[in-house]
Amino acid sequence: MPNHHGIGCVILGAGFSRRFGADKRTQSLGSLTVAQTTLQTYCTVFSEVRLVLREKDDAQHIAGEQLQHENLHLVRTPLAHLGMGHSLSAGFNDLPWRWSFVALLDMPYVRPATLQALIDHAMDSSSKLVQPRLVSATTATQERSDGHPIGIHCSLFEHIRASTGDQGARPLIKQYRHEIAYLDCDDPGVIQDIDQPSDLMKPS
């Protein structure tokens, strides 16, 4: 098991997949499902992982054998229907870490090496936020796209615990946008989520 003292990850998985048209968490992605792929990656890299699910979700059906990871802990939120902010608040309740990354269960393509680089970046940073940024070279310029997971320093945890509605951490990121320590990378997984059935194909 990895040992990154004081750095963990909260994975938000209590969404309702309304645009997808089915529960995208349980859709097949190779030999695993979307949720299982994401959990396997994060539990391999982070020493502590919290998975936020809806109160009535069947965790075994969603996570399968990934529930056996000793560093994976379930958090239930009865207010998931009111928006992502309530899932964030539940996931950050009584969080003892120095840094927490916030990941999305429907983003299974992030590379383990990218997650490790983000952890290292947070450990060396004096900023309050850490965020991956996909750098894509074009013929004349470089385009940068902000991605996930986002690292949040413990000094901001109270703000996260007060989250409500569907804005999630966006207001906090906007407020502290000048204090974000970006990690530029070439990993398209930091911006690719499962939004439509056509997204169930791994990026090249």
C-alpha atoms as a PDB file:
ATOM      1  CA  MET A   1       0.000   0.000   0.000  1.00  0.00           C
ATOM      2  CA  PRO A   2       1.316   3.500  -0.811  1.00  0.00           C
ATOM      3  CA  ASN A   3       2.390   5.694   2.061  1.00  0.00           C
ATOM      4  CA  HIS A   4       1.794   9.407   1.427  1.00  0.00           C
ATOM      5  CA  HIS A   5       1.321  10.643   4.964  1.00  0.00           C
ATOM      6  CA  GLY A   6      -1.344  13.309   5.239  1.00  0.00           C
ATOM      7  CA  ILE A   7      -2.446  13.222   1.590  1.00  0.00           C
ATOM      8  CA  GLY A   8      -5.627  11.455   0.526  1.00  0.00           C
ATOM      9  CA  CYS A   9      -8.377  11.635  -2.060  1.00  0.00           C
ATOM     10  CA  VAL A  10     -12.153  12.087  -1.930  1.00  0.00           C
ATOM     11  CA  ILE A  11     -13.863  10.548  -4.960  1.00  0.00           C
ATOM     12  CA  LEU A  12     -17.313  11.900  -5.760  1.00  0.00           C
ATOM     13  CA  GLY A  13     -19.572   9.152  -7.066  1.00  0.00           C
ATOM     14  CA  ALA A  14     -23.085  10.157  -6.035  1.00  0.00           C
ATOM     15  CA  GLY A  15     -24.216  11.645  -9.344  1.00  0.00           C
ATOM     16  CA  PHE A  16     -27.303  10.542 -11.250  1.00  0.00           C
ATOM     17  CA  SER A  17     -25.931  10.088 -14.833  1.00  0.00           C
ATOM     18  CA  ARG A  18     -28.880  11.982 -16.296  1.00  0.00           C
ATOM     19  CA  ARG A  19     -27.138  12.897 -19.563  1.00  0.00           C
ATOM     20  CA  PHE A  20     -25.722   9.405 -20.018  1.00  0.00           C
ATOM     21  CA  GLY A  21     -29.159   7.769 -19.799  1.00  0.00           C
ATOM     22  CA  ALA A  22     -28.065   4.907 -17.505  1.00  0.00           C
ATOM     23  CA  ASP A  23     -25.862   4.430 -14.459  1.00  0.00           C
ATOM     24  CA  LYS A  24     -22.502   5.137 -16.059  1.00  0.00           C
ATOM     25  CA  ARG A  25     -20.681   4.019 -12.921  1.00  0.00           C
ATOM     26  CA  THR A  26     -21.486   0.384 -13.736  1.00  0.00           C
ATOM     27  CA  GLN A  27     -20.840   0.513 -17.483  1.00  0.00           C
ATOM     28  CA  SER A  28     -18.164  -1.840 -18.796  1.00  0.00           C
ATOM     29  CA  LEU A  29     -14.741  -0.446 -19.561  1.00  0.00           C
ATOM     30  CA  GLY A  30     -12.663  -3.433 -20.596  1.00  0.00           C
ATOM     31  CA  SER A  31     -12.587  -6.078 -17.876  1.00  0.00           C
ATOM     32  CA  LEU A  32     -13.776  -3.599 -15.219  1.00  0.00           C
ATOM     33  CA  THR A  33     -16.527  -1.011 -14.966  1.00  0.00           C
ATOM     34  CA  VAL A  34     -16.062   2.760 -15.026  1.00  0.00           C
ATOM     35  CA  ALA A  35     -16.237   2.965 -11.229  1.00  0.00           C
ATOM     36  CA  GLN A  36     -13.978  -0.025 -10.666  1.00  0.00           C
ATOM     37  CA  THR A  37     -11.337   1.342 -13.033  1.00  0.00           C
ATOM     38  CA  THR A  38     -11.269   4.699 -11.261  1.00  0.00           C
ATOM     39  CA  LEU A  39     -11.126   3.114  -7.813  1.00  0.00           C
ATOM     40  CA  GLN A  40      -8.374   0.705  -8.782  1.00  0.00           C
ATOM     41  CA  THR A  41      -6.193   3.553 -10.041  1.00  0.00           C
ATOM     42  CA  TYR A  42      -6.696   5.835  -7.042  1.00  0.00           C
ATOM     43  CA  CYS A  43      -6.429   3.112  -4.403  1.00  0.00           C
ATOM     44  CA  THR A  44      -3.131   2.020  -5.949  1.00  0.00           C
ATOM     45  CA  VAL A  45      -1.636   5.515  -5.684  1.00  0.00           C
ATOM     46  CA  PHE A  46      -3.219   7.163  -2.618  1.00  0.00           C
ATOM     47  CA  SER A  47      -2.775   5.850   0.916  1.00  0.00           C
ATOM     48  CA  GLU A  48      -6.322   6.925   1.883  1.00  0.00           C
ATOM     49  CA  VAL A  49      -9.367   7.150  -0.397  1.00  0.00           C
ATOM     50  CA  ARG A  50     -12.930   8.140   0.454  1.00  0.00           C
ATOM     51  CA  LEU A  51     -15.720   7.219  -1.953  1.00  0.00           C
ATOM     52  CA  VAL A  52     -18.895   9.280  -1.659  1.00  0.00           C
ATOM     53  CA  LEU A  53     -22.053   7.451  -2.728  1.00  0.00           C
ATOM     54  CA  ARG A  54     -25.766   8.066  -2.430  1.00  0.00           C
ATOM     55  CA  GLU A  55     -27.462   6.778   0.707  1.00  0.00           C
ATOM     56  CA  LYS A  56     -29.262   3.936  -1.091  1.00  0.00           C
ATOM     57  CA  ASP A  57     -26.518   2.973  -3.565  1.00  0.00           C
ATOM     58  CA  ASP A  58     -25.484  -0.681  -3.701  1.00  0.00           C
ATOM     59  CA  ALA A  59     -21.773  -0.231  -3.025  1.00  0.00           C
ATOM     60  CA  GLN A  60     -20.972  -3.833  -3.912  1.00  0.00           C
ATOM     61  CA  HIS A  61     -22.679  -3.476  -7.282  1.00  0.00           C
ATOM     62  CA  ILE A  62     -20.839  -0.242  -8.034  1.00  0.00           C
ATOM     63  CA  ALA A  63     -17.367  -0.954  -6.665  1.00  0.00           C
ATOM     64  CA  GLY A  64     -17.190  -4.763  -6.826  1.00  0.00           C
ATOM     65  CA  GLU A  65     -13.893  -6.232  -5.667  1.00  0.00           C
ATOM     66  CA  GLN A  66     -12.423  -2.747  -5.270  1.00  0.00           C
ATOM     67  CA  LEU A  67     -14.222  -2.584  -1.918  1.00  0.00           C
ATOM     68  CA  GLN A  68     -11.575  -4.958  -0.617  1.00  0.00           C
ATOM     69  CA  HIS A  69      -8.914  -2.236  -0.705  1.00  0.00           C
ATOM     70  CA  GLU A  70      -7.993  -1.547   2.919  1.00  0.00           C
ATOM     71  CA  ASN A  71      -7.435   2.123   2.149  1.00  0.00           C
ATOM     72  CA  LEU A  72     -10.916   2.637   0.631  1.00  0.00           C
ATOM     73  CA  HIS A  73     -13.633   4.027   2.908  1.00  0.00           C
ATOM     74  CA  LEU A  74     -17.285   4.605   2.002  1.00  0.00           C
ATOM     75  CA  VAL A  75     -19.154   7.816   2.814  1.00  0.00           C
ATOM     76  CA  ARG A  76     -22.905   8.090   2.309  1.00  0.00           C
ATOM     77  CA  THR A  77     -24.760  11.300   1.560  1.00  0.00           C
ATOM     78  CA  PRO A  78     -28.542  11.517   1.785  1.00  0.00           C
ATOM     79  CA  LEU A  79     -28.526  14.915   0.052  1.00  0.00           C
ATOM     80  CA  ALA A  80     -26.882  13.928  -3.245  1.00  0.00           C
ATOM     81  CA  HIS A  81     -30.015  14.917  -5.154  1.00  0.00           C
ATOM     82  CA  LEU A  82     -29.436  18.534  -4.093  1.00  0.00           C
ATOM     83  CA  GLY A  83     -26.106  18.800  -5.901  1.00  0.00           C
ATOM     84  CA  MET A  84     -22.404  18.041  -5.856  1.00  0.00           C
ATOM     85  CA  GLY A  85     -21.739  20.484  -3.044  1.00  0.00           C
ATOM     86  CA  HIS A  86     -23.480  18.184  -0.579  1.00  0.00           C
ATOM     87  CA  SER A  87     -21.318  15.251  -1.697  1.00  0.00           C
ATOM     88  CA  LEU A  88     -18.213  17.368  -1.168  1.00  0.00           C
ATOM     89  CA  SER A  89     -19.360  18.394   2.284  1.00  0.00           C
ATOM     90  CA  ALA A  90     -19.998  14.766   3.262  1.00  0.00           C
ATOM     91  CA  GLY A  91     -16.644  13.603   1.902  1.00  0.00           C
ATOM     92  CA  PHE A  92     -14.707  16.266   3.825  1.00  0.00           C
ATOM     93  CA  ASN A  93     -16.465  15.675   7.139  1.00  0.00           C
ATOM     94  CA  ASP A  94     -13.867  15.099   9.904  1.00  0.00           C
ATOM     95  CA  LEU A  95     -11.103  14.819   7.327  1.00  0.00           C
ATOM     96  CA  PRO A  96      -7.740  14.564   9.123  1.00  0.00           C
ATOM     97  CA  TRP A  97      -5.437  14.988   6.115  1.00  0.00           C
ATOM     98  CA  ARG A  98      -3.085  17.841   5.271  1.00  0.00           C
ATOM     99  CA  TRP A  99      -4.083  17.679   1.612  1.00  0.00           C
ATOM    100  CA  SER A 100      -7.122  16.173  -0.040  1.00  0.00           C
ATOM    101  CA  PHE A 101      -7.533  15.695  -3.743  1.00  0.00           C
ATOM    102  CA  VAL A 102     -11.059  15.751  -5.153  1.00  0.00           C
ATOM    103  CA  ALA A 103     -11.674  13.280  -7.965  1.00  0.00           C
ATOM    104  CA  LEU A 104     -14.713  12.250  -9.968  1.00  0.00           C
ATOM    105  CA  LEU A 105     -15.761   8.614 -10.233  1.00  0.00           C
ATOM    106  CA  ASP A 106     -16.668   9.076 -13.899  1.00  0.00           C
ATOM    107  CA  MET A 107     -13.103  10.090 -14.862  1.00  0.00           C
ATOM    108  CA  PRO A 108     -11.389   6.680 -15.143  1.00  0.00           C
ATOM    109  CA  TYR A 109      -8.645   7.585 -17.600  1.00  0.00           C
ATOM    110  CA  VAL A 110      -6.240   9.535 -15.378  1.00  0.00           C
ATOM    111  CA  ARG A 111      -2.827   7.849 -15.377  1.00  0.00           C
ATOM    112  CA  PRO A 112      -1.319   6.632 -12.088  1.00  0.00           C
ATOM    113  CA  ALA A 113       1.887   8.479 -12.931  1.00  0.00           C
ATOM    114  CA  THR A 114      -0.081  11.738 -13.153  1.00  0.00           C
ATOM    115  CA  LEU A 115      -1.603  11.147  -9.714  1.00  0.00           C
ATOM    116  CA  GLN A 116       1.827  10.453  -8.233  1.00  0.00           C
ATOM    117  CA  ALA A 117       3.167  13.636  -9.816  1.00  0.00           C
ATOM    118  CA  LEU A 118       0.273  15.611  -8.308  1.00  0.00           C
ATOM    119  CA  ILE A 119       1.013  14.199  -4.857  1.00  0.00           C
ATOM    120  CA  ASP A 120       4.656  15.167  -5.195  1.00  0.00           C
ATOM    121  CA  HIS A 121       3.612  18.611  -6.421  1.00  0.00           C
ATOM    122  CA  ALA A 122       1.375  19.124  -3.381  1.00  0.00           C
ATOM    123  CA  MET A 123       4.103  18.012  -0.976  1.00  0.00           C
ATOM    124  CA  ASP A 124       6.471  20.621  -2.415  1.00  0.00           C
ATOM    125  CA  SER A 125       3.897  23.396  -2.773  1.00  0.00           C
ATOM    126  CA  SER A 126       3.175  26.383  -0.552  1.00  0.00           C
ATOM    127  CA  SER A 127      -0.072  27.045  -2.437  1.00  0.00           C
ATOM    128  CA  LYS A 128      -3.572  26.216  -1.224  1.00  0.00           C
ATOM    129  CA  LEU A 129      -4.682  24.489  -4.425  1.00  0.00           C
ATOM    130  CA  VAL A 130      -3.002  22.095  -6.849  1.00  0.00           C
ATOM    131  CA  GLN A 131      -4.482  21.302 -10.245  1.00  0.00           C
ATOM    132  CA  PRO A 132      -3.389  19.322 -13.307  1.00  0.00           C
ATOM    133  CA  ARG A 133      -3.397  21.156 -16.615  1.00  0.00           C
ATOM    134  CA  LEU A 134      -3.343  19.366 -19.940  1.00  0.00           C
ATOM    135  CA  VAL A 135      -0.904  20.965 -22.346  1.00  0.00           C
ATOM    136  CA  SER A 136      -1.682  20.364 -26.013  1.00  0.00           C
ATOM    137  CA  ALA A 137       0.780  21.581 -28.609  1.00  0.00           C
ATOM    138  CA  THR A 138      -0.621  23.137 -31.781  1.00  0.00           C
ATOM    139  CA  THR A 139       1.171  24.435 -34.838  1.00  0.00           C
ATOM    140  CA  ALA A 140       1.684  27.878 -33.336  1.00  0.00           C
ATOM    141  CA  THR A 141       0.817  27.830 -29.641  1.00  0.00           C
ATOM    142  CA  GLN A 142       0.209  25.609 -26.636  1.00  0.00           C
ATOM    143  CA  GLU A 143      -3.316  25.192 -25.321  1.00  0.00           C
ATOM    144  CA  ARG A 144      -3.849  24.496 -21.613  1.00  0.00           C
ATOM    145  CA  SER A 145      -6.978  22.885 -20.162  1.00  0.00           C
ATOM    146  CA  ASP A 146      -7.591  22.709 -16.392  1.00  0.00           C
ATOM    147  CA  GLY A 147      -8.436  19.218 -15.126  1.00  0.00           C
ATOM    148  CA  HIS A 148      -8.982  16.847 -12.204  1.00  0.00           C
ATOM    149  CA  PRO A 149      -8.242  15.768  -9.548  1.00  0.00           C
ATOM    150  CA  ILE A 150      -7.828  19.042  -7.685  1.00  0.00           C
ATOM    151  CA  GLY A 151      -5.710  19.172  -4.546  1.00  0.00           C
ATOM    152  CA  ILE A 152      -7.025  21.256  -1.626  1.00  0.00           C
ATOM    153  CA  HIS A 153      -4.930  22.246   1.390  1.00  0.00           C
ATOM    154  CA  CYS A 154      -6.420  21.652   4.852  1.00  0.00           C
ATOM    155  CA  SER A 155      -6.624  25.413   5.466  1.00  0.00           C
ATOM    156  CA  LEU A 156      -9.573  25.414   3.044  1.00  0.00           C
ATOM    157  CA  PHE A 157     -11.389  22.345   4.349  1.00  0.00           C
ATOM    158  CA  GLU A 158     -13.904  24.434   6.312  1.00  0.00           C
ATOM    159  CA  HIS A 159     -14.931  26.123   3.065  1.00  0.00           C
ATOM    160  CA  ILE A 160     -15.483  22.719   1.449  1.00  0.00           C
ATOM    161  CA  ARG A 161     -17.493  21.414   4.391  1.00  0.00           C
ATOM    162  CA  ALA A 162     -19.844  24.363   3.925  1.00  0.00           C
ATOM    163  CA  SER A 163     -20.504  23.456   0.274  1.00  0.00           C
ATOM    164  CA  THR A 164     -24.097  23.183  -0.916  1.00  0.00           C
ATOM    165  CA  GLY A 165     -25.935  23.194  -4.226  1.00  0.00           C
ATOM    166  CA  ASP A 166     -24.401  22.122  -7.513  1.00  0.00           C
ATOM    167  CA  GLN A 167     -21.401  24.449  -7.727  1.00  0.00           C
ATOM    168  CA  GLY A 168     -19.047  22.044  -5.958  1.00  0.00           C
ATOM    169  CA  ALA A 169     -15.601  23.551  -5.407  1.00  0.00           C
ATOM    170  CA  ARG A 170     -15.878  26.002  -8.311  1.00  0.00           C
ATOM    171  CA  PRO A 171     -16.468  29.113  -6.152  1.00  0.00           C
ATOM    172  CA  LEU A 172     -13.438  28.240  -4.035  1.00  0.00           C
ATOM    173  CA  ILE A 173     -11.258  27.684  -7.080  1.00  0.00           C
ATOM    174  CA  LYS A 174     -12.394  31.007  -8.515  1.00  0.00           C
ATOM    175  CA  GLN A 175     -11.694  32.797  -5.238  1.00  0.00           C
ATOM    176  CA  TYR A 176      -8.177  31.356  -4.958  1.00  0.00           C
ATOM    177  CA  ARG A 177      -7.396  31.138  -8.671  1.00  0.00           C
ATOM    178  CA  HIS A 178      -4.218  33.181  -8.224  1.00  0.00           C
ATOM    179  CA  GLU A 179      -2.917  30.651  -5.678  1.00  0.00           C
ATOM    180  CA  ILE A 180      -3.270  27.522  -7.796  1.00  0.00           C
ATOM    181  CA  ALA A 181      -0.058  25.551  -8.308  1.00  0.00           C
ATOM    182  CA  TYR A 182      -0.590  23.994 -11.734  1.00  0.00           C
ATOM    183  CA  LEU A 183       0.991  20.758 -12.864  1.00  0.00           C
ATOM    184  CA  ASP A 184       1.325  20.802 -16.634  1.00  0.00           C
ATOM    185  CA  CYS A 185       1.025  17.327 -18.121  1.00  0.00           C
ATOM    186  CA  ASP A 186       0.309  15.426 -21.328  1.00  0.00           C
ATOM    187  CA  ASP A 187      -2.354  13.180 -19.783  1.00  0.00           C
ATOM    188  CA  PRO A 188      -5.737  13.626 -21.550  1.00  0.00           C
ATOM    189  CA  GLY A 189      -7.351  11.649 -18.745  1.00  0.00           C
ATOM    190  CA  VAL A 190      -7.327  14.742 -16.521  1.00  0.00           C
ATOM    191  CA  ILE A 191     -10.068  16.319 -18.656  1.00  0.00           C
ATOM    192  CA  GLN A 192     -11.920  13.300 -20.055  1.00  0.00           C
ATOM    193  CA  ASP A 193     -15.046  12.151 -18.242  1.00  0.00           C
ATOM    194  CA  ILE A 194     -17.737   9.656 -19.162  1.00  0.00           C
ATOM    195  CA  ASP A 195     -20.604  11.840 -20.316  1.00  0.00           C
ATOM    196  CA  GLN A 196     -21.968   9.879 -23.284  1.00  0.00           C
ATOM    197  CA  PRO A 197     -21.805   6.169 -24.239  1.00  0.00           C
ATOM    198  CA  SER A 198     -19.274   7.096 -26.940  1.00  0.00           C
ATOM    199  CA  ASP A 199     -16.862   8.123 -24.153  1.00  0.00           C
ATOM    200  CA  LEU A 200     -16.447   4.455 -23.139  1.00  0.00           C
ATOM    201  CA  MET A 201     -13.349   4.137 -25.281  1.00  0.00           C
ATOM    202  CA  LYS A 202      -9.944   4.662 -23.759  1.00  0.00           C
ATOM    203  CA  PRO A 203      -8.012   7.612 -25.185  1.00  0.00           C
ATOM    204  CA  SER A 204      -5.003   6.784 -27.309  1.00  0.00           C
END
